[in-house]
Amino acid sequence: MPESLEVRYALSAAPPHLRDAATTYVLDPSKGYLLNHKGTNGVSCIVVRSDWQWPERPFRDDIAWPVC
């Protein structure tokens, strides 16, 4: 997912009045979640991906949801 889209999607989980001052993290598949923007209001937002339950099901990179 492009970084700018990931940030907008993550922030969509927060109420509009909290978005500008929220902390956001983006996923680097090789490193994990990285700080994108350090906020000031104590709210942190990420986009969560589905996990995989090996060996029953493979990882699905097409399922994601925003969380704050």
C-alpha atoms as a PDB file:
ATOM      1  CA  MET A   1       0.000   0.000   0.000  1.00  0.00           C
ATOM      2  CA  PRO A   2       1.457   3.416  -0.853  1.00  0.00           C
ATOM      3  CA  GLU A   3       2.575   5.273   2.276  1.00  0.00           C
ATOM      4  CA  SER A   4       0.318   8.296   1.734  1.00  0.00           C
ATOM      5  CA  LEU A   5      -2.716   6.026   1.352  1.00  0.00           C
ATOM      6  CA  GLU A   6      -1.733   4.009   4.425  1.00  0.00           C
ATOM      7  CA  VAL A   7      -1.503   7.177   6.539  1.00  0.00           C
ATOM      8  CA  ARG A   8      -4.884   8.475   5.348  1.00  0.00           C
ATOM      9  CA  TYR A   9      -6.474   5.062   5.917  1.00  0.00           C
ATOM     10  CA  ALA A  10      -4.982   4.764   9.420  1.00  0.00           C
ATOM     11  CA  LEU A  11      -6.210   8.231  10.377  1.00  0.00           C
ATOM     12  CA  SER A  12      -9.716   7.405   9.148  1.00  0.00           C
ATOM     13  CA  ALA A  13     -10.172   5.338  12.325  1.00  0.00           C
ATOM     14  CA  ALA A  14      -9.848   8.452  14.498  1.00  0.00           C
ATOM     15  CA  PRO A  15     -12.566  11.054  14.988  1.00  0.00           C
ATOM     16  CA  PRO A  16     -11.942  14.009  12.654  1.00  0.00           C
ATOM     17  CA  HIS A  17     -11.046  16.402  15.482  1.00  0.00           C
ATOM     18  CA  LEU A  18      -8.161  14.122  16.614  1.00  0.00           C
ATOM     19  CA  ARG A  19      -6.559  13.299  13.253  1.00  0.00           C
ATOM     20  CA  ASP A  20      -4.240  16.288  12.800  1.00  0.00           C
ATOM     21  CA  ALA A  21      -2.441  15.690  16.101  1.00  0.00           C
ATOM     22  CA  ALA A  22      -2.386  11.862  16.002  1.00  0.00           C
ATOM     23  CA  THR A  23       0.736   9.715  15.770  1.00  0.00           C
ATOM     24  CA  THR A  24       0.858   7.460  12.713  1.00  0.00           C
ATOM     25  CA  TYR A  25       2.868   4.346  11.965  1.00  0.00           C
ATOM     26  CA  VAL A  26       3.397   2.699   8.575  1.00  0.00           C
ATOM     27  CA  LEU A  27       4.397  -0.881   7.866  1.00  0.00           C
ATOM     28  CA  ASP A  28       7.758  -1.710   6.345  1.00  0.00           C
ATOM     29  CA  PRO A  29       7.442  -5.458   5.640  1.00  0.00           C
ATOM     30  CA  SER A  30      11.138  -6.035   6.305  1.00  0.00           C
ATOM     31  CA  LYS A  31      11.309  -4.009   9.552  1.00  0.00           C
ATOM     32  CA  GLY A  32       7.809  -3.865  11.025  1.00  0.00           C
ATOM     33  CA  TYR A  33       5.877  -0.729  11.936  1.00  0.00           C
ATOM     34  CA  LEU A  34       7.839   2.516  11.695  1.00  0.00           C
ATOM     35  CA  LEU A  35       6.974   5.942  13.067  1.00  0.00           C
ATOM     36  CA  ASN A  36       5.610   8.122  10.274  1.00  0.00           C
ATOM     37  CA  HIS A  37       4.470  11.165  12.261  1.00  0.00           C
ATOM     38  CA  LYS A  38       4.849  11.905  15.984  1.00  0.00           C
ATOM     39  CA  GLY A  39       1.596  13.379  17.238  1.00  0.00           C
ATOM     40  CA  THR A  40       0.829  15.427  20.318  1.00  0.00           C
ATOM     41  CA  ASN A  41      -2.554  14.206  21.561  1.00  0.00           C
ATOM     42  CA  GLY A  42      -1.762  10.637  22.679  1.00  0.00           C
ATOM     43  CA  VAL A  43      -3.696   8.991  19.823  1.00  0.00           C
ATOM     44  CA  SER A  44      -1.776   6.480  17.666  1.00  0.00           C
ATOM     45  CA  CYS A  45      -3.093   5.038  14.403  1.00  0.00           C
ATOM     46  CA  ILE A  46      -1.977   2.116  12.221  1.00  0.00           C
ATOM     47  CA  VAL A  47      -3.332  -0.080   9.469  1.00  0.00           C
ATOM     48  CA  VAL A  48      -3.536  -3.675  10.694  1.00  0.00           C
ATOM     49  CA  ARG A  49      -3.041  -6.493   8.226  1.00  0.00           C
ATOM     50  CA  SER A  50      -4.491  -9.967   8.508  1.00  0.00           C
ATOM     51  CA  ASP A  51      -2.284 -12.481  10.199  1.00  0.00           C
ATOM     52  CA  TRP A  52      -1.668 -15.919   8.815  1.00  0.00           C
ATOM     53  CA  GLN A  53      -2.388 -19.151  10.619  1.00  0.00           C
ATOM     54  CA  TRP A  54       0.172 -21.499   9.174  1.00  0.00           C
ATOM     55  CA  PRO A  55      -0.325 -24.126   7.884  1.00  0.00           C
ATOM     56  CA  GLU A  56      -4.102 -23.788   7.617  1.00  0.00           C
ATOM     57  CA  ARG A  57      -4.256 -20.555   5.638  1.00  0.00           C
ATOM     58  CA  PRO A  58      -1.694 -18.466   3.790  1.00  0.00           C
ATOM     59  CA  PHE A  59      -1.062 -14.812   4.645  1.00  0.00           C
ATOM     60  CA  ARG A  60      -3.532 -12.475   2.925  1.00  0.00           C
ATOM     61  CA  ASP A  61      -2.137  -9.085   2.021  1.00  0.00           C
ATOM     62  CA  ASP A  62      -5.498  -7.904   0.692  1.00  0.00           C
ATOM     63  CA  ILE A  63      -7.190  -7.650   4.107  1.00  0.00           C
ATOM     64  CA  ALA A  64      -6.474  -4.561   6.209  1.00  0.00           C
ATOM     65  CA  TRP A  65      -8.305  -2.301   8.649  1.00  0.00           C
ATOM     66  CA  PRO A  66      -7.465   0.976  10.411  1.00  0.00           C
ATOM     67  CA  VAL A  67      -7.044   1.104  14.191  1.00  0.00           C
ATOM     68  CA  CYS A  68      -6.393   3.971  16.600  1.00  0.00           C
END
